[in-house]
């Protein structure tokens, strides 16, 4: 049966992320979700046939934020194994992702300090 998990982050867990309510939130969040999904696929392999990632818009009192869901068949052990692997996520951006973030003009403001990436 088709099921899904929220990845609970749109970036690797030890990296800053776009903050809901910030001026460029949606633009930065869109960039980081795409780049992070690509990094997960590089790190854990291509997801099994029939499973997929989806970026979803989640309404909240403070605005709409983006989240990543992974859809899988809970009766298919390949799907479940992959889901369990990606659930742990990545800790840092890899070099390929850092380069892509720079190319896409990704910026994140945290406490009025602009964080940029250099390769």
Protein backbone atom coordinates (compact mmCIF):
# COMPACT_ATOMS: atom_id res chain seq x y z
CA UNK A 1 0.00 0.00 0.00
CA UNK A 2 1.26 3.48 -0.86
CA UNK A 3 2.51 5.39 2.17
CA UNK A 4 4.82 8.35 2.71
CA UNK A 5 7.18 9.94 5.20
CA UNK A 6 8.06 13.58 5.74
CA UNK A 7 11.80 14.07 5.63
CA UNK A 8 11.37 16.87 8.22
CA UNK A 9 14.01 19.03 6.56
CA UNK A 10 14.79 20.51 3.19
CA UNK A 11 18.55 20.59 3.74
CA UNK A 12 21.12 18.28 5.32
CA UNK A 13 20.61 18.34 9.11
CA UNK A 14 23.84 20.22 9.94
CA UNK A 15 23.26 22.97 7.36
CA UNK A 16 21.25 26.20 7.62
CA UNK A 17 17.94 26.31 5.79
CA UNK A 18 15.58 28.97 4.47
CA UNK A 19 13.51 30.46 7.29
CA UNK A 20 9.77 30.79 6.91
CA UNK A 21 8.85 34.46 6.86
CA UNK A 22 12.18 35.60 5.42
CA UNK A 23 12.05 37.77 2.31
CA UNK A 24 13.36 35.14 -0.11
CA UNK A 25 11.98 32.08 1.69
CA UNK A 26 10.07 30.47 -1.18
CA UNK A 27 12.83 30.99 -3.76
CA UNK A 28 15.51 29.58 -1.43
CA UNK A 29 13.29 26.73 -0.20
CA UNK A 30 12.54 25.63 -3.77
CA UNK A 31 16.24 25.56 -4.56
CA UNK A 32 17.22 23.65 -1.43
CA UNK A 33 14.47 21.00 -1.86
CA UNK A 34 15.55 20.18 -5.41
CA UNK A 35 19.25 20.15 -4.57
CA UNK A 36 18.70 18.04 -1.44
CA UNK A 37 16.57 15.44 -3.25
CA UNK A 38 19.34 15.14 -5.87
CA UNK A 39 21.95 14.72 -3.11
CA UNK A 40 19.87 12.02 -1.40
CA UNK A 41 19.75 10.13 -4.71
CA UNK A 42 23.53 10.48 -5.15
CA UNK A 43 24.13 9.35 -1.56
CA UNK A 44 21.66 6.46 -1.34
CA UNK A 45 21.14 5.55 -4.98
CA UNK A 46 18.19 6.11 -7.26
CA UNK A 47 14.90 5.39 -5.51
CA UNK A 48 13.26 2.06 -6.41
CA UNK A 49 10.79 2.00 -9.28
CA UNK A 50 7.32 2.99 -8.08
CA UNK A 51 8.61 5.15 -5.21
CA UNK A 52 9.08 8.90 -5.53
CA UNK A 53 9.94 12.19 -3.84
CA UNK A 54 7.44 15.03 -3.82
CA UNK A 55 7.81 18.63 -2.66
CA UNK A 56 4.65 19.74 -0.87
CA UNK A 57 3.36 23.13 0.24
CA UNK A 58 2.28 23.14 3.88
CA UNK A 59 0.10 26.02 5.12
CA UNK A 60 0.99 27.40 8.56
CA UNK A 61 -0.04 30.40 10.66
CA UNK A 62 3.23 32.09 9.71
CA UNK A 63 2.95 31.29 5.99
CA UNK A 64 3.27 28.38 3.62
CA UNK A 65 6.44 26.32 3.90
CA UNK A 66 7.86 23.56 1.74
CA UNK A 67 8.55 20.04 2.87
CA UNK A 68 9.78 16.88 1.16
CA UNK A 69 7.76 13.67 1.20
CA UNK A 70 8.95 10.28 0.07
CA UNK A 71 6.22 7.97 -1.23
CA UNK A 72 6.80 4.23 -1.11
CA UNK A 73 4.98 0.89 -1.08
CA UNK A 74 5.05 -0.34 2.52
CA UNK A 75 4.71 -3.94 1.29
CA UNK A 76 7.78 -3.75 -0.97
CA UNK A 77 10.96 -4.44 1.01
CA UNK A 78 13.15 -2.55 -1.48
CA UNK A 79 10.98 0.53 -0.94
CA UNK A 80 11.02 0.14 2.85
CA UNK A 81 14.80 -0.37 2.94
CA UNK A 82 15.36 2.74 0.82
CA UNK A 83 12.91 4.76 2.93
CA UNK A 84 14.76 3.78 6.10
CA UNK A 85 18.09 4.80 4.57
CA UNK A 86 16.99 8.24 3.37
CA UNK A 87 15.12 8.92 6.60
CA UNK A 88 18.50 9.37 8.29
CA UNK A 89 19.33 11.94 5.61
CA UNK A 90 22.67 13.64 5.05
CA UNK A 91 24.61 15.79 7.51
CA UNK A 92 26.33 18.24 5.16
CA UNK A 93 26.02 19.48 1.61
CA UNK A 94 28.33 17.52 -0.70
CA UNK A 95 30.62 19.34 -3.15
CA UNK A 96 28.23 18.83 -6.07
CA UNK A 97 25.36 20.37 -4.08
CA UNK A 98 27.47 23.32 -2.94
CA UNK A 99 28.34 24.08 -6.55
CA UNK A 100 24.69 23.81 -7.61
CA UNK A 101 23.56 26.09 -4.77
CA UNK A 102 26.04 28.75 -5.90
CA UNK A 103 24.95 28.39 -9.54
CA UNK A 104 21.30 28.87 -8.54
CA UNK A 105 22.10 32.02 -6.51
CA UNK A 106 20.98 30.40 -3.25
CA UNK A 107 21.28 32.61 -0.18
CA UNK A 108 20.02 32.11 3.34
CA UNK A 109 19.69 34.82 5.93
CA UNK A 110 20.09 33.78 9.55
CA UNK A 111 20.03 36.45 12.25
CA UNK A 112 20.58 39.12 9.58
CA UNK A 113 23.79 37.42 8.46
CA UNK A 114 23.85 36.25 4.88
CA UNK A 115 25.28 32.80 4.47
CA UNK A 116 26.78 31.96 1.10
CA UNK A 117 28.61 28.97 -0.23
CA UNK A 118 31.92 28.89 -2.01
CA UNK A 119 33.38 25.92 -3.84
